Amino acid sequence: MASSARVWLLDTGALSAVRPSADLLLATLVVACGPRALAVVLTGRGTGAQVGVRAVACCGGTVFAQDETTSAFFGMPGASITTGDVERVLALSDIAAAIDSHCHQPPSG
């Protein structure tokens, strides 16, 4: 749940048999930030972020994903990349700089 740029973690049930749920986290990000949303999908098993990645992209937000070479588990980043909604695929060591650069761009529109 998000409000006023704060996020609270709630003890809820599983979503699609997964808890915590990356999709739920990203859906909450979309509600809180709309087109200003920036999601970064890091190493992880499964495909649990695909719906959330699509939601971020559909609202005009931006999605980055960790590359296969630096991921311990490429399931979540790989599945996210297959959506076609990931703007940049980056090595773990390059993600912080990419976030910083993205956050310092003037708003588009």
Protein backbone atom coordinates (compact mmCIF):
# COMPACT_ATOMS: atom_id res chain seq x y z
CA MET A 1 0.00 0.00 0.00
CA ALA A 2 1.38 3.44 -0.86
CA SER A 3 0.45 6.96 0.11
CA SER A 4 2.33 10.25 0.17
CA ALA A 5 5.53 8.65 -1.15
CA ARG A 6 5.52 6.07 1.65
CA VAL A 7 5.12 2.35 1.26
CA TRP A 8 3.78 0.00 3.92
CA LEU A 9 4.30 -3.73 3.74
CA LEU A 10 1.22 -5.70 4.68
CA ASP A 11 1.00 -9.31 5.75
CA THR A 12 -1.40 -10.55 3.08
CA GLY A 13 -2.04 -13.86 1.39
CA ALA A 14 -0.29 -15.20 -1.67
CA LEU A 15 -1.01 -13.83 -5.14
CA SER A 16 -0.71 -16.47 -7.88
CA ALA A 17 0.69 -18.81 -5.20
CA VAL A 18 3.57 -16.42 -4.47
CA ARG A 19 4.28 -14.34 -1.41
CA PRO A 20 5.75 -11.77 -1.47
CA SER A 21 4.42 -10.87 -4.89
CA ALA A 22 6.44 -8.77 -7.33
CA ASP A 23 3.28 -8.21 -9.39
CA LEU A 24 1.44 -6.78 -6.38
CA LEU A 25 4.42 -4.59 -5.49
CA LEU A 26 4.61 -3.21 -9.04
CA ALA A 27 0.84 -2.68 -9.25
CA THR A 28 1.06 -0.64 -6.05
CA LEU A 29 3.95 1.34 -7.55
CA VAL A 30 1.76 2.17 -10.56
CA VAL A 31 -1.06 3.41 -8.33
CA ALA A 32 1.32 5.52 -6.25
CA CYS A 33 3.54 6.93 -9.00
CA GLY A 34 1.76 6.56 -12.33
CA PRO A 35 4.02 7.54 -15.22
CA ARG A 36 6.83 8.46 -12.80
CA ALA A 37 7.15 4.79 -11.79
CA LEU A 38 10.57 3.21 -12.21
CA ALA A 39 10.74 -0.54 -11.68
CA VAL A 40 13.95 -2.54 -11.55
CA VAL A 41 13.61 -6.31 -11.81
CA LEU A 42 16.57 -8.02 -10.17
CA THR A 43 17.67 -11.64 -9.95
CA GLY A 44 14.92 -14.01 -8.92
CA ARG A 45 13.25 -17.31 -9.68
CA GLY A 46 9.97 -17.67 -11.48
CA THR A 47 8.02 -15.30 -13.69
CA GLY A 48 6.26 -13.32 -10.97
CA ALA A 49 6.92 -9.83 -12.29
CA GLN A 50 5.49 -10.04 -15.82
CA VAL A 51 2.05 -8.62 -15.04
CA GLY A 52 3.53 -5.85 -12.91
CA VAL A 53 6.10 -4.96 -15.57
CA ARG A 54 3.29 -4.62 -18.13
CA ALA A 55 1.35 -2.41 -15.72
CA VAL A 56 4.34 -0.10 -15.21
CA ALA A 57 4.92 0.19 -18.96
CA CYS A 58 1.21 0.70 -19.72
CA CYS A 59 1.01 3.66 -17.34
CA GLY A 60 4.03 5.29 -19.01
CA GLY A 61 6.55 4.23 -16.38
CA THR A 62 10.01 2.78 -16.99
CA VAL A 63 11.33 -0.73 -16.40
CA PHE A 64 14.94 -1.87 -16.12
CA ALA A 65 16.03 -5.49 -15.69
CA GLN A 66 19.21 -7.18 -14.56
CA ASP A 67 21.11 -9.04 -17.29
CA GLU A 68 21.58 -12.79 -17.33
CA THR A 69 25.34 -12.67 -16.80
CA THR A 70 25.10 -10.97 -13.40
CA SER A 71 21.88 -12.67 -12.20
CA ALA A 72 22.12 -15.61 -9.83
CA PHE A 73 18.63 -16.59 -11.05
CA PHE A 74 17.48 -15.15 -14.37
CA GLY A 75 13.82 -16.25 -14.10
CA MET A 76 12.20 -12.96 -13.15
CA PRO A 77 14.43 -10.64 -15.19
CA GLY A 78 14.26 -12.98 -18.20
CA ALA A 79 10.47 -13.28 -18.05
CA SER A 80 10.19 -9.51 -17.68
CA ILE A 81 12.39 -8.95 -20.74
CA THR A 82 10.17 -11.26 -22.83
CA THR A 83 7.22 -8.89 -22.28
CA GLY A 84 8.94 -6.35 -24.52
CA ASP A 85 8.33 -3.70 -21.86
CA VAL A 86 11.83 -3.53 -20.38
CA GLU A 87 13.57 -0.36 -21.50
CA ARG A 88 17.10 -1.32 -20.45
CA VAL A 89 18.83 -4.60 -19.57
CA LEU A 90 21.81 -3.89 -17.37
CA ALA A 91 24.61 -5.54 -15.43
CA LEU A 92 24.07 -5.31 -11.68
CA SER A 93 27.04 -2.94 -11.41
CA ASP A 94 25.40 -0.49 -13.87
CA ILE A 95 21.92 -0.32 -12.36
CA ALA A 96 22.56 2.36 -9.71
CA ALA A 97 24.03 4.76 -12.29
CA ALA A 98 21.13 4.09 -14.66
CA ILE A 99 18.62 4.87 -11.89
CA ASP A 100 20.49 8.06 -11.03
CA SER A 101 20.60 9.13 -14.68
CA HIS A 102 16.92 8.35 -15.18
CA CYS A 103 15.91 10.31 -12.07
CA HIS A 104 17.81 13.38 -13.25
CA GLN A 105 16.17 13.55 -16.68
CA PRO A 106 13.65 16.32 -17.18
CA PRO A 107 10.05 15.06 -17.33
CA SER A 108 8.86 14.24 -20.83
CA GLY A 109 5.66 15.59 -22.28
